[in-house]
Amino acid sequence: MAITKTAKKNIRKTATRREHNAAQNKVLKGLIRDFKKALASKKPEEAKTSLPTLYKKIDKAAKTNLIKKNKAARLKSRLTKKLSVASK
């Protein structure tokens, strides 16, 4: 258990950050899920319009260290690849 004031404050800070990160992660995963659903239901136009928003969220997540930079690049690459295959 934390004894000093700073240790107690750090516990509060990490709890707040954990909640914030979990919420941001949930939003990101939801957008990815919606994108994949649009591709699965043969709606590439809908997926294509949601791609810029998804890119923006992925880049923001990488910038704020929610996900790593390489994972962001990998995600963007794979999602774009899926869209191009579905569009054909």
N, C-alpha and C. Protein backbone atom coordinates (compact mmCIF):
# COMPACT_ATOMS: atom_id res chain seq x y z
N MET A 1 0.84 -1.19 0.00
CA MET A 1 0.00 0.00 0.00
C MET A 1 0.88 1.24 0.00
N ALA A 2 0.40 2.26 -0.69
CA ALA A 2 1.16 3.50 -0.79
C ALA A 2 1.18 4.22 0.56
N ILE A 3 2.33 4.78 0.87
CA ILE A 3 2.48 5.48 2.14
C ILE A 3 2.61 6.97 1.92
N THR A 4 3.50 7.38 1.02
CA THR A 4 3.73 8.81 0.82
C THR A 4 2.62 9.43 -0.02
N LYS A 5 2.56 10.76 0.08
CA LYS A 5 1.56 11.51 -0.68
C LYS A 5 1.73 11.29 -2.18
N THR A 6 2.97 11.33 -2.63
CA THR A 6 3.22 11.19 -4.07
C THR A 6 2.85 9.80 -4.58
N ALA A 7 3.08 8.79 -3.76
CA ALA A 7 2.72 7.43 -4.17
C ALA A 7 1.21 7.30 -4.29
N LYS A 8 0.47 7.93 -3.36
CA LYS A 8 -0.99 7.91 -3.41
C LYS A 8 -1.49 8.65 -4.65
N LYS A 9 -0.85 9.77 -4.95
CA LYS A 9 -1.24 10.55 -6.13
C LYS A 9 -0.96 9.76 -7.41
N ASN A 10 0.17 9.06 -7.43
CA ASN A 10 0.50 8.25 -8.60
C ASN A 10 -0.52 7.14 -8.82
N ILE A 11 -1.02 6.58 -7.76
CA ILE A 11 -2.06 5.55 -7.88
C ILE A 11 -3.31 6.15 -8.50
N ARG A 12 -3.69 7.35 -8.06
CA ARG A 12 -4.86 8.03 -8.63
C ARG A 12 -4.64 8.34 -10.11
N LYS A 13 -3.45 8.82 -10.45
CA LYS A 13 -3.13 9.17 -11.84
C LYS A 13 -3.19 7.95 -12.75
N THR A 14 -2.60 6.85 -12.29
CA THR A 14 -2.59 5.66 -13.14
C THR A 14 -3.99 5.11 -13.33
N ALA A 15 -4.84 5.21 -12.30
CA ALA A 15 -6.22 4.74 -12.43
C ALA A 15 -6.96 5.57 -13.46
N THR A 16 -6.77 6.88 -13.41
CA THR A 16 -7.42 7.78 -14.37
C THR A 16 -6.93 7.49 -15.79
N ARG A 17 -5.63 7.33 -15.93
CA ARG A 17 -5.06 7.06 -17.26
C ARG A 17 -5.51 5.72 -17.81
N ARG A 18 -5.60 4.73 -16.93
CA ARG A 18 -6.04 3.40 -17.35
C ARG A 18 -7.47 3.46 -17.90
N GLU A 19 -8.35 4.21 -17.21
CA GLU A 19 -9.73 4.36 -17.67
C GLU A 19 -9.78 5.07 -19.02
N HIS A 20 -9.00 6.13 -19.15
CA HIS A 20 -8.97 6.89 -20.39
C HIS A 20 -8.46 6.04 -21.54
N ASN A 21 -7.37 5.31 -21.30
CA ASN A 21 -6.80 4.46 -22.34
C ASN A 21 -7.76 3.35 -22.74
N ALA A 22 -8.46 2.78 -21.77
CA ALA A 22 -9.41 1.71 -22.06
C ALA A 22 -10.55 2.25 -22.93
N ALA A 23 -11.01 3.45 -22.64
CA ALA A 23 -12.09 4.05 -23.42
C ALA A 23 -11.62 4.32 -24.84
N GLN A 24 -10.42 4.85 -25.00
CA GLN A 24 -9.88 5.15 -26.33
C GLN A 24 -9.67 3.86 -27.12
N ASN A 25 -9.21 2.82 -26.44
CA ASN A 25 -8.99 1.53 -27.08
C ASN A 25 -10.31 0.94 -27.56
N LYS A 26 -11.36 1.10 -26.76
CA LYS A 26 -12.68 0.59 -27.11
C LYS A 26 -13.21 1.29 -28.36
N VAL A 27 -13.01 2.60 -28.44
CA VAL A 27 -13.45 3.37 -29.61
C VAL A 27 -12.71 2.89 -30.85
N LEU A 28 -11.40 2.74 -30.73
CA LEU A 28 -10.57 2.31 -31.86
C LEU A 28 -10.99 0.93 -32.35
N LYS A 29 -11.17 0.00 -31.43
CA LYS A 29 -11.56 -1.35 -31.81
C LYS A 29 -12.95 -1.37 -32.43
N GLY A 30 -13.83 -0.50 -31.94
CA GLY A 30 -15.18 -0.39 -32.51
C GLY A 30 -15.15 0.09 -33.94
N LEU A 31 -14.31 1.07 -34.22
CA LEU A 31 -14.18 1.58 -35.59
C LEU A 31 -13.63 0.51 -36.53
N ILE A 32 -12.64 -0.23 -36.04
CA ILE A 32 -12.05 -1.30 -36.84
C ILE A 32 -13.10 -2.38 -37.11
N ARG A 33 -13.88 -2.70 -36.08
CA ARG A 33 -14.93 -3.71 -36.22
C ARG A 33 -15.97 -3.26 -37.25
N ASP A 34 -16.38 -1.98 -37.18
CA ASP A 34 -17.37 -1.46 -38.13
C ASP A 34 -16.83 -1.50 -39.56
N PHE A 35 -15.55 -1.17 -39.72
CA PHE A 35 -14.91 -1.20 -41.04
C PHE A 35 -14.94 -2.62 -41.60
N LYS A 36 -14.57 -3.59 -40.77
CA LYS A 36 -14.55 -4.98 -41.22
C LYS A 36 -15.95 -5.50 -41.53
N LYS A 37 -16.95 -5.05 -40.74
CA LYS A 37 -18.33 -5.46 -40.99
C LYS A 37 -18.81 -4.91 -42.33
N ALA A 38 -18.43 -3.66 -42.63
CA ALA A 38 -18.81 -3.06 -43.90
C ALA A 38 -18.21 -3.85 -45.07
N LEU A 39 -16.98 -4.30 -44.91
CA LEU A 39 -16.35 -5.10 -45.96
C LEU A 39 -17.02 -6.47 -46.09
N ALA A 40 -17.36 -7.05 -44.95
CA ALA A 40 -17.98 -8.38 -44.96
C ALA A 40 -19.38 -8.35 -45.58
N SER A 41 -20.09 -7.24 -45.38
CA SER A 41 -21.44 -7.13 -45.92
C SER A 41 -21.46 -6.54 -47.33
N LYS A 42 -20.31 -6.63 -48.00
CA LYS A 42 -20.18 -6.20 -49.40
C LYS A 42 -20.56 -4.73 -49.61
N LYS A 43 -20.07 -3.88 -48.71
CA LYS A 43 -20.30 -2.44 -48.84
C LYS A 43 -18.96 -1.71 -48.85
N PRO A 44 -18.16 -1.87 -49.90
CA PRO A 44 -16.84 -1.23 -49.92
C PRO A 44 -16.90 0.30 -49.96
N GLU A 45 -18.01 0.86 -50.49
CA GLU A 45 -18.14 2.32 -50.52
C GLU A 45 -18.23 2.87 -49.10
N GLU A 46 -19.01 2.18 -48.28
CA GLU A 46 -19.16 2.59 -46.88
C GLU A 46 -17.83 2.47 -46.14
N ALA A 47 -17.13 1.41 -46.41
CA ALA A 47 -15.83 1.20 -45.77
C ALA A 47 -14.83 2.25 -46.24
N LYS A 48 -14.91 2.60 -47.53
CA LYS A 48 -13.98 3.59 -48.09
C LYS A 48 -14.19 4.96 -47.46
N THR A 49 -15.44 5.31 -47.16
CA THR A 49 -15.71 6.61 -46.54
C THR A 49 -15.28 6.64 -45.08
N SER A 50 -15.27 5.49 -44.42
CA SER A 50 -14.87 5.45 -43.01
C SER A 50 -13.36 5.32 -42.82
N LEU A 51 -12.64 5.04 -43.90
CA LEU A 51 -11.20 4.82 -43.81
C LEU A 51 -10.42 6.05 -43.32
N PRO A 52 -10.69 7.27 -43.81
CA PRO A 52 -9.94 8.44 -43.30
C PRO A 52 -10.13 8.66 -41.79
N THR A 53 -11.34 8.46 -41.30
CA THR A 53 -11.60 8.59 -39.87
C THR A 53 -10.82 7.54 -39.09
N LEU A 54 -10.81 6.35 -39.63
CA LEU A 54 -10.08 5.25 -38.99
C LEU A 54 -8.58 5.53 -38.97
N TYR A 55 -8.05 6.04 -40.08
CA TYR A 55 -6.63 6.41 -40.13
C TYR A 55 -6.31 7.46 -39.08
N LYS A 56 -7.18 8.44 -38.96
CA LYS A 56 -6.96 9.52 -38.00
C LYS A 56 -6.90 8.97 -36.58
N LYS A 57 -7.84 8.08 -36.24
CA LYS A 57 -7.87 7.48 -34.90
C LYS A 57 -6.63 6.63 -34.65
N ILE A 58 -6.22 5.87 -35.65
CA ILE A 58 -5.05 5.01 -35.51
C ILE A 58 -3.80 5.85 -35.29
N ASP A 59 -3.66 6.92 -36.08
CA ASP A 59 -2.49 7.81 -35.94
C ASP A 59 -2.48 8.48 -34.57
N LYS A 60 -3.63 8.91 -34.10
CA LYS A 60 -3.74 9.55 -32.79
C LYS A 60 -3.38 8.56 -31.68
N ALA A 61 -3.84 7.32 -31.83
CA ALA A 61 -3.52 6.28 -30.84
C ALA A 61 -2.03 6.01 -30.80
N ALA A 62 -1.38 6.04 -31.95
CA ALA A 62 0.07 5.81 -32.00
C ALA A 62 0.81 7.01 -31.41
N LYS A 63 0.30 8.20 -31.68
CA LYS A 63 0.94 9.41 -31.18
C LYS A 63 0.89 9.49 -29.66
N THR A 64 -0.22 9.03 -29.08
CA THR A 64 -0.39 9.09 -27.63
C THR A 64 0.05 7.81 -26.94
N ASN A 65 0.76 6.95 -27.67
CA ASN A 65 1.32 5.69 -27.15
C ASN A 65 0.26 4.71 -26.67
N LEU A 66 -0.93 4.79 -27.21
CA LEU A 66 -1.95 3.80 -26.91
C LEU A 66 -1.59 2.49 -27.63
N ILE A 67 -1.11 2.64 -28.86
CA ILE A 67 -0.54 1.51 -29.59
C ILE A 67 0.82 1.95 -30.11
N LYS A 68 1.64 0.98 -30.47
CA LYS A 68 2.98 1.33 -30.96
C LYS A 68 2.91 1.79 -32.41
N LYS A 69 3.94 2.53 -32.80
CA LYS A 69 3.99 3.13 -34.13
C LYS A 69 3.93 2.06 -35.23
N ASN A 70 4.66 0.97 -35.02
CA ASN A 70 4.69 -0.08 -36.04
C ASN A 70 3.35 -0.80 -36.14
N LYS A 71 2.66 -0.95 -35.01
CA LYS A 71 1.35 -1.59 -35.05
C LYS A 71 0.37 -0.72 -35.81
N ALA A 72 0.48 0.59 -35.64
CA ALA A 72 -0.39 1.52 -36.37
C ALA A 72 -0.16 1.38 -37.87
N ALA A 73 1.10 1.34 -38.27
CA ALA A 73 1.42 1.21 -39.68
C ALA A 73 0.91 -0.12 -40.23
N ARG A 74 1.08 -1.16 -39.45
CA ARG A 74 0.65 -2.50 -39.86
C ARG A 74 -0.86 -2.56 -40.01
N LEU A 75 -1.58 -1.97 -39.04
CA LEU A 75 -3.04 -1.94 -39.10
C LEU A 75 -3.52 -1.21 -40.34
N LYS A 76 -2.96 -0.03 -40.57
CA LYS A 76 -3.37 0.77 -41.73
C LYS A 76 -3.11 0.01 -43.02
N SER A 77 -1.98 -0.63 -43.11
CA SER A 77 -1.62 -1.38 -44.30
C SER A 77 -2.59 -2.54 -44.54
N ARG A 78 -2.87 -3.28 -43.50
CA ARG A 78 -3.74 -4.45 -43.64
C ARG A 78 -5.17 -4.05 -43.97
N LEU A 79 -5.66 -2.98 -43.34
CA LEU A 79 -7.02 -2.54 -43.61
C LEU A 79 -7.15 -2.03 -45.04
N THR A 80 -6.15 -1.31 -45.51
CA THR A 80 -6.17 -0.81 -46.89
C THR A 80 -6.13 -1.97 -47.87
N LYS A 81 -5.32 -2.96 -47.54
CA LYS A 81 -5.22 -4.14 -48.40
C LYS A 81 -6.56 -4.87 -48.49
N LYS A 82 -7.25 -5.00 -47.34
CA LYS A 82 -8.57 -5.65 -47.34
C LYS A 82 -9.57 -4.86 -48.17
N LEU A 83 -9.49 -3.54 -48.09
CA LEU A 83 -10.41 -2.71 -48.86
C LEU A 83 -10.16 -2.86 -50.35
N SER A 84 -8.89 -2.88 -50.76
CA SER A 84 -8.59 -3.00 -52.19
C SER A 84 -9.02 -4.36 -52.73
N VAL A 85 -8.89 -5.39 -51.92
CA VAL A 85 -9.34 -6.73 -52.35
C VAL A 85 -10.85 -6.76 -52.46
N ALA A 86 -11.55 -6.14 -51.51
CA ALA A 86 -13.01 -6.13 -51.51
C ALA A 86 -13.57 -5.27 -52.64
N SER A 87 -12.83 -4.25 -53.03
CA SER A 87 -13.31 -3.35 -54.08
C SER A 87 -13.28 -3.99 -55.46
N LYS A 88 -12.42 -4.99 -55.63
CA LYS A 88 -12.29 -5.62 -56.95
C LYS A 88 -13.42 -6.55 -57.27
